Every structure is written in structure tokens, then in C-alpha cells.
Amino acid sequence: MLLKGKNIVITGSGRGIGKEVALACAREGANIGLTSRTREELDNVKKEIENIGSGAKVVIVTGDISKYDDTENIFKTLHNELGPLDGVIANAGYSRRGSSDTFEIEKFRQILDVNILGVYYTLRAALPHLRKDDKKNKARFIVTGSGVYQTVMPLFAAYTASKWGVVGLVKALAAEYKKENITFNIILPTMVDTRLLRGRKAGDGNKDDFIMNPWDLNEYYLFLLSDEANRINDELIYTQNFQQVKKIINEAPTDKKENWEIFQEYLEERNVKLFNSVKKLRKFIEFLLLRRK
């Protein structure tokens, strides 16, 4: 198993991306810390993990990551139950749509609190409990960002500002802690079929084809938590690029995807612009190739 025995905490893990990543990590043998504000959702995820039968230990702690006292309690409790933490996924997010001249000020603040302060609080509360004693097995801090970074989102000023801001925050943290055994990376999904995007319609089977399923993101998180990503740090991973890569892998002749050396020539021939955008993360492409054998 890819993550056998590792202790992984995922915020916002009651539904959507966080839930699917929790299930994926459990299938790979990780022990899971589940946290969000809603106990019922977390109980359901725990049952699904237990039904997998991997033997993963699952611990639930409810709390609001936009409040530091809650966040500190979450990580103290999870550390006491699981032991030192190998990875933390700061996944919880919040958004609302509205015209900026009439947008409720309190809602604007809440979005910034969850999407920026929530990430900072998560890192600050997790730091004392991360396993950072082995440079060959670094602790991982992964943030769920958004593809709105470097784009403009009319009617989503608070959300857009928060997702731009969290990139700066995480890059600053990566620079500050670069001499410690911890890596910082951000996954930047485009539209995903979650309540954040589609409200209570999420998961109804009627999404547009260009909208990703939450489980389409599992490989991004599994890779960054794996041994193969031990030296991957301070990276912005745009899913739009790698979803194209995955499509090309799936459609490629068998002899063109035996390994990176062969596939890189094929990819460059097919789409040189895409190749130049993703070649820096060849380790991830190797990971994708291996999982499709």
C-alpha cells in the first residue's frame, strides 16, 4: 500500500474533495484524522472507510478551522489518538456569489477567515505534531487552492481574493521552513462537482462534462503524500494541465507509455505547449504512468 501506516489529517473531510481524498488515503493504508464542523457527515465518512476493510484507524474531531482555539484542539486530539502526523491536507473552503457593492460584509470576512486564516491556523496548530525527524520522509502540508488563481472571477471577489492570497501564504511558509523536513504544495483544481460550486445539486449526475468529479483529484493528493514526492516543494499544481496529460496517457498506445523517457517524446509531439508546462513535474507523470500499468 502506498501510504501504509502513515497518519494523515484532512480538514473539510465530511464531503466533496476532502471525503474522497480521505477514502483514497485509507485504501492506501493510511490512518485518517477527519475534521469539519458537521459530526453527522464525518460519521458517515468513517463508516465508508471502515467498510473498505484496510484496517485504517479513523479518528473524528469536529471544529471550526476559522477559530484558532478549535483548530489547536483538533490537532492536539488527533496527535494524541494517532501519533505524529505524516501529512496534513488543508482542504476546508468557503465561497459565496454576489455583487461586490452589495455583498454582505460579514460573509466576505468569513470567506477570508476560512480560506486564508483557516490554512494558517491549520499549519500553526499542526506544526508541533508533524513528523519532521527524517529528511528522507518529510512531513507534507498540502493546500486545496483553486484554478481561479491568476484569473478574474466576477461576483466572486472574496473567494478570488482568498485563493490568490493563500498562494502567497503557502509560498511564504515554504520559504520560511525550507530547512525543516516539511514540504508545502498547492493543488489548483478547476471546477469540481462539490457544494462549493453547485450547492445541493452536487453529485446529482447532471454536471457538465467539463466539471471534474471530486475523486478525479485523488491522484494529486496521493502523489504528494507518497515517497515519490519527498523532494517536491513549493509547487503550484494546475489540474487543468494534468487532466490533459491523463487523457493523453489513457489514449496513448501501450508502447508509448512504458516509462517517462518514452512518453515524454510522445507528449511533446502531441502537445509541445502542454509538455513544457508539465515537464518540471515529471515525477507526477511517472506516478500516473505507473498507476495505469
Protein backbone atom coordinates (compact mmCIF):
# COMPACT_ATOMS: atom_id res chain seq x y z
CA MET A 1 0.00 0.00 0.00
CA LEU A 2 1.21 3.46 -0.94
CA LEU A 3 0.64 5.11 2.48
CA LYS A 4 0.78 2.12 4.81
CA GLY A 5 0.94 3.24 8.43
CA LYS A 6 1.06 6.97 7.70
CA ASN A 7 -1.12 9.35 9.72
CA ILE A 8 -2.98 11.83 7.53
CA VAL A 9 -5.33 14.64 8.60
CA ILE A 10 -7.80 16.23 6.17
CA THR A 11 -9.80 19.35 7.00
CA GLY A 12 -13.20 19.73 5.41
CA SER A 13 -13.40 15.95 5.08
CA GLY A 14 -17.14 15.48 5.59
CA ARG A 15 -17.97 15.73 1.90
CA GLY A 16 -16.66 16.65 -1.53
CA ILE A 17 -12.94 16.61 -2.24
CA GLY A 18 -11.97 16.05 1.41
CA LYS A 19 -14.20 12.98 1.73
CA GLU A 20 -12.88 11.39 -1.47
CA VAL A 21 -9.26 12.03 -0.52
CA ALA A 22 -9.87 10.51 2.92
CA LEU A 23 -11.29 7.36 1.30
CA ALA A 24 -8.39 7.19 -1.18
CA CYS A 25 -5.77 7.56 1.57
CA ALA A 26 -7.48 4.86 3.66
CA ARG A 27 -7.45 2.48 0.68
CA GLU A 28 -3.70 3.02 0.54
CA GLY A 29 -3.29 2.05 4.20
CA ALA A 30 -3.17 5.44 5.93
CA ASN A 31 -4.71 6.19 9.30
CA ILE A 32 -7.08 9.11 8.92
CA GLY A 33 -7.95 12.17 11.00
CA LEU A 34 -11.31 13.53 9.86
CA THR A 35 -12.39 17.03 10.78
CA SER A 36 -15.10 19.51 9.84
CA ARG A 37 -17.92 21.29 11.64
CA THR A 38 -20.56 18.60 10.99
CA ARG A 39 -20.38 15.41 13.04
CA GLU A 40 -23.02 13.50 11.07
CA GLU A 41 -21.10 13.87 7.81
CA LEU A 42 -17.86 12.75 9.45
CA ASP A 43 -19.59 9.71 10.98
CA ASN A 44 -20.76 8.69 7.50
CA VAL A 45 -17.28 9.05 6.06
CA LYS A 46 -15.85 7.00 8.91
CA LYS A 47 -18.33 4.20 8.16
CA GLU A 48 -17.34 4.23 4.49
CA ILE A 49 -13.66 4.00 5.43
CA GLU A 50 -14.34 1.11 7.80
CA ASN A 51 -16.23 -0.68 5.04
CA ILE A 52 -13.10 -0.56 2.85
CA GLY A 53 -11.52 -3.08 5.20
CA SER A 54 -7.97 -1.73 5.01
CA GLY A 55 -7.59 -1.70 8.79
CA ALA A 56 -7.09 2.05 8.81
CA LYS A 57 -7.62 3.78 12.14
CA VAL A 58 -10.08 6.66 11.84
CA VAL A 59 -10.42 9.47 14.37
CA ILE A 60 -13.06 12.21 14.22
CA VAL A 61 -12.75 15.67 15.77
CA THR A 62 -15.27 18.39 14.99
CA GLY A 63 -14.31 22.04 14.99
CA ASP A 64 -14.18 25.29 13.05
CA ILE A 65 -10.77 25.88 11.43
CA SER A 66 -11.50 29.61 11.20
CA LYS A 67 -11.17 29.67 15.01
CA TYR A 68 -7.68 29.03 16.34
CA ASP A 69 -8.74 27.51 19.65
CA ASP A 70 -10.84 24.95 17.78
CA THR A 71 -8.01 24.20 15.38
CA GLU A 72 -5.47 23.78 18.14
CA ASN A 73 -7.77 21.35 19.93
CA ILE A 74 -8.32 19.39 16.69
CA PHE A 75 -4.63 18.74 16.19
CA LYS A 76 -3.82 18.05 19.83
CA THR A 77 -6.60 15.46 19.93
CA LEU A 78 -5.62 13.84 16.63
CA HIS A 79 -1.98 13.65 17.67
CA ASN A 80 -2.96 12.01 20.95
CA GLU A 81 -5.08 9.43 19.10
CA LEU A 82 -2.93 8.79 16.02
CA GLY A 83 0.59 9.76 16.99
CA PRO A 84 2.93 12.01 14.97
CA LEU A 85 1.32 13.25 11.76
CA ASP A 86 2.89 12.49 8.37
CA GLY A 87 0.64 14.70 6.30
CA VAL A 88 -1.95 17.44 6.60
CA ILE A 89 -4.33 18.47 3.83
CA ALA A 90 -5.78 21.96 4.37
CA ASN A 91 -8.86 21.39 2.28
CA ALA A 92 -11.72 23.24 4.00
CA GLY A 93 -13.10 26.08 1.91
CA TYR A 94 -15.97 28.53 1.70
CA SER A 95 -17.48 30.68 -1.03
CA ARG A 96 -20.50 32.82 -1.85
CA ARG A 97 -21.56 34.62 -5.03
CA GLY A 98 -22.67 38.23 -5.09
CA SER A 99 -22.17 41.73 -6.39
CA SER A 100 -19.32 43.45 -4.57
CA ASP A 101 -21.26 46.67 -3.93
CA THR A 102 -23.98 44.84 -2.00
CA PHE A 103 -22.10 41.75 -0.75
CA GLU A 104 -22.67 41.15 2.96
CA ILE A 105 -19.51 42.33 4.73
CA GLU A 106 -19.67 39.58 7.34
CA LYS A 107 -19.81 36.92 4.60
CA PHE A 108 -16.80 38.50 2.89
CA ARG A 109 -14.87 38.28 6.15
CA GLN A 110 -15.94 34.67 6.75
CA ILE A 111 -14.63 33.63 3.33
CA LEU A 112 -11.25 35.19 4.06
CA ASP A 113 -11.24 33.65 7.54
CA VAL A 114 -11.82 30.12 6.27
CA ASN A 115 -9.76 30.23 3.08
CA ILE A 116 -6.71 32.14 4.37
CA LEU A 117 -6.72 32.23 8.17
CA GLY A 118 -8.02 28.65 8.20
CA VAL A 119 -4.94 27.49 6.31
CA TYR A 120 -2.62 29.47 8.59
CA TYR A 121 -4.35 28.18 11.71
CA THR A 122 -4.16 24.63 10.36
CA LEU A 123 -0.42 24.92 9.76
CA ARG A 124 0.26 26.63 13.09
CA ALA A 125 -1.75 24.08 15.08
CA ALA A 126 -0.30 21.12 13.16
CA LEU A 127 3.39 22.11 13.30
CA PRO A 128 4.15 20.77 16.80
CA HIS A 129 2.61 17.43 15.84
CA LEU A 130 4.19 16.81 12.43
CA ARG A 131 6.79 14.08 12.00
CA LYS A 132 9.80 16.13 10.86
CA ASP A 133 12.72 13.99 12.02
CA ASP A 134 13.66 12.34 8.73
CA LYS A 135 14.72 14.23 5.59
CA LYS A 136 14.06 11.09 3.55
CA ASN A 137 10.48 11.02 4.76
CA LYS A 138 9.39 14.65 5.11
CA ALA A 139 6.09 15.78 6.54
CA ARG A 140 3.65 17.04 3.91
CA PHE A 141 1.42 20.11 4.06
CA ILE A 142 -0.92 20.25 1.08
CA VAL A 143 -3.43 23.00 0.36
CA THR A 144 -6.51 22.79 -1.82
CA GLY A 145 -6.33 26.03 -3.76
CA SER A 146 -8.32 26.96 -6.84
CA GLY A 147 -7.89 27.44 -10.55
CA VAL A 148 -9.21 30.98 -10.07
CA TYR A 149 -5.64 31.84 -9.12
CA GLN A 150 -4.34 34.01 -11.96
CA THR A 151 -7.86 34.50 -13.33
CA VAL A 152 -10.61 37.01 -12.66
CA MET A 153 -13.92 35.87 -11.14
CA PRO A 154 -16.67 38.49 -11.36
CA LEU A 155 -19.19 38.20 -8.49
CA PHE A 156 -16.68 36.10 -6.51
CA ALA A 157 -14.40 38.86 -5.25
CA ALA A 158 -13.92 37.43 -1.75
CA TYR A 159 -13.30 33.88 -2.96
CA THR A 160 -10.93 35.03 -5.69
CA ALA A 161 -9.00 37.27 -3.29
CA SER A 162 -8.72 34.45 -0.77
CA LYS A 163 -7.41 31.94 -3.31
CA TRP A 164 -4.84 34.42 -4.60
CA GLY A 165 -3.87 35.24 -1.04
CA VAL A 166 -3.41 31.64 0.07
CA VAL A 167 -0.88 31.08 -2.70
CA GLY A 168 1.25 33.88 -1.27
CA LEU A 169 0.80 32.49 2.23
CA VAL A 170 1.90 28.97 1.32
CA LYS A 171 4.85 30.15 -0.74
CA ALA A 172 5.98 32.27 2.21
CA LEU A 173 5.68 29.24 4.51
CA ALA A 174 7.66 27.10 2.07
CA ALA A 175 10.46 29.67 2.12
CA GLU A 176 10.36 30.06 5.90
CA TYR A 177 10.52 26.32 6.64
CA LYS A 178 12.70 25.18 3.74
CA LYS A 179 15.41 23.95 6.11
CA GLU A 180 12.95 21.81 8.06
CA ASN A 181 11.72 18.42 6.92
CA ILE A 182 8.35 19.59 5.66
CA THR A 183 7.10 20.29 2.15
CA PHE A 184 4.40 22.76 1.09
CA ASN A 185 2.42 22.36 -2.13
CA ILE A 186 -0.86 23.65 -3.56
CA ILE A 187 -3.29 21.82 -5.84
CA LEU A 188 -5.28 24.22 -8.04
CA PRO A 189 -8.42 22.49 -9.31
CA THR A 190 -10.72 23.93 -11.92
CA MET A 191 -14.45 23.42 -11.47
CA VAL A 192 -15.30 20.42 -9.27
CA ASP A 193 -18.74 18.92 -8.61
CA THR A 194 -18.99 19.95 -4.95
CA ARG A 195 -21.38 22.08 -2.93
CA LEU A 196 -18.88 24.90 -3.20
CA LEU A 197 -19.66 25.01 -6.94
CA ARG A 198 -23.13 23.50 -7.39
CA GLY A 199 -24.76 23.74 -3.97
CA ARG A 200 -27.09 20.87 -3.11
CA LYS A 201 -27.15 19.81 -6.77
CA ALA A 202 -23.61 18.42 -6.34
CA GLY A 203 -23.43 14.72 -7.08
CA ASP A 204 -26.81 14.58 -8.82
CA GLY A 205 -25.27 13.17 -12.01
CA ASN A 206 -26.21 16.19 -14.09
CA LYS A 207 -22.95 18.15 -14.07
CA ASP A 208 -21.44 19.44 -17.31
CA ASP A 209 -18.67 17.30 -18.81
CA PHE A 210 -16.00 19.93 -18.15
CA ILE A 211 -16.68 19.81 -14.39
CA MET A 212 -14.43 17.38 -12.52
CA ASN A 213 -15.66 14.74 -10.09
CA PRO A 214 -14.18 15.09 -6.57
CA TRP A 215 -12.45 11.70 -6.92
CA ASP A 216 -10.67 12.87 -10.07
CA LEU A 217 -8.34 14.73 -7.70
CA ASN A 218 -7.31 11.73 -5.59
CA GLU A 219 -4.11 11.02 -7.52
CA TYR A 220 -2.81 14.54 -6.96
CA TYR A 221 -3.01 14.18 -3.18
CA LEU A 222 -1.80 10.57 -3.14
CA PHE A 223 1.26 11.54 -5.16
CA LEU A 224 2.16 14.46 -2.90
CA LEU A 225 1.81 12.22 0.15
CA SER A 226 3.85 9.40 -1.37
CA ASP A 227 7.57 8.69 -1.12
CA GLU A 228 7.94 9.78 -4.75
CA ALA A 229 7.15 13.37 -3.81
CA ASN A 230 9.62 13.69 -0.94
CA ARG A 231 11.56 16.42 -2.77
CA ILE A 232 8.57 18.16 -4.36
CA ASN A 233 8.21 21.52 -2.63
CA ASP A 234 6.69 24.95 -3.27
CA GLU A 235 4.79 23.78 -6.35
CA LEU A 236 1.53 25.02 -7.84
CA ILE A 237 -0.13 22.04 -9.49
CA TYR A 238 -2.73 23.06 -12.06
CA THR A 239 -5.21 20.25 -12.59
CA GLN A 240 -6.25 21.64 -15.95
CA ASN A 241 -2.80 20.74 -17.33
CA PHE A 242 -2.56 17.31 -15.77
CA GLN A 243 -6.10 16.31 -16.67
CA GLN A 244 -4.98 16.79 -20.28
CA VAL A 245 -1.90 14.68 -19.56
CA LYS A 246 -4.05 11.92 -18.07
CA LYS A 247 -6.27 11.95 -21.14
CA ILE A 248 -3.25 11.61 -23.41
CA ILE A 249 -1.89 8.74 -21.28
CA ASN A 250 -5.21 6.92 -21.47
CA GLU A 251 -5.37 7.30 -25.24
CA ALA A 252 -1.68 6.55 -25.93
CA PRO A 253 -0.59 3.23 -27.48
CA THR A 254 0.80 0.83 -24.89
CA ASP A 255 4.34 1.11 -26.21
CA LYS A 256 4.28 4.91 -25.76
CA LYS A 257 3.60 4.84 -22.03
CA GLU A 258 6.09 2.28 -20.78
CA ASN A 259 8.08 4.93 -18.92
CA TRP A 260 8.76 8.67 -18.79
CA GLU A 261 11.64 8.56 -21.29
CA ILE A 262 9.36 7.13 -23.96
CA PHE A 263 6.22 9.02 -23.03
CA GLN A 264 7.88 12.45 -22.88
CA GLU A 265 8.71 12.24 -26.60
CA TYR A 266 5.15 11.21 -27.37
CA LEU A 267 3.72 14.01 -25.22
CA GLU A 268 5.98 16.63 -26.76
CA GLU A 269 4.92 15.52 -30.24
CA ARG A 270 1.25 15.65 -29.30
CA ASN A 271 1.27 18.99 -27.46
CA VAL A 272 4.55 20.85 -27.04
CA LYS A 273 2.97 23.69 -25.05
CA LEU A 274 1.47 21.24 -22.56
CA PHE A 275 4.76 19.32 -22.37
CA ASN A 276 6.67 22.49 -21.48
CA SER A 277 4.07 23.32 -18.80
CA VAL A 278 4.26 19.97 -17.02
CA LYS A 279 7.77 18.60 -17.58
CA LYS A 280 9.04 20.09 -14.32
CA LEU A 281 6.75 17.66 -12.52
CA ARG A 282 7.88 14.58 -14.39
CA LYS A 283 7.73 12.64 -11.10
CA PHE A 284 3.98 13.10 -11.05
CA ILE A 285 3.68 11.95 -14.66
CA GLU A 286 5.79 8.89 -13.83
CA PHE A 287 3.40 8.27 -10.94
CA LEU A 288 0.41 8.48 -13.31
CA LEU A 289 2.04 6.17 -15.82
CA LEU A 290 2.83 3.58 -13.16
CA ARG A 291 -0.72 3.59 -11.80
CA ARG A 292 -2.09 2.89 -15.26
CA LYS A 293 0.01 -0.19 -15.96
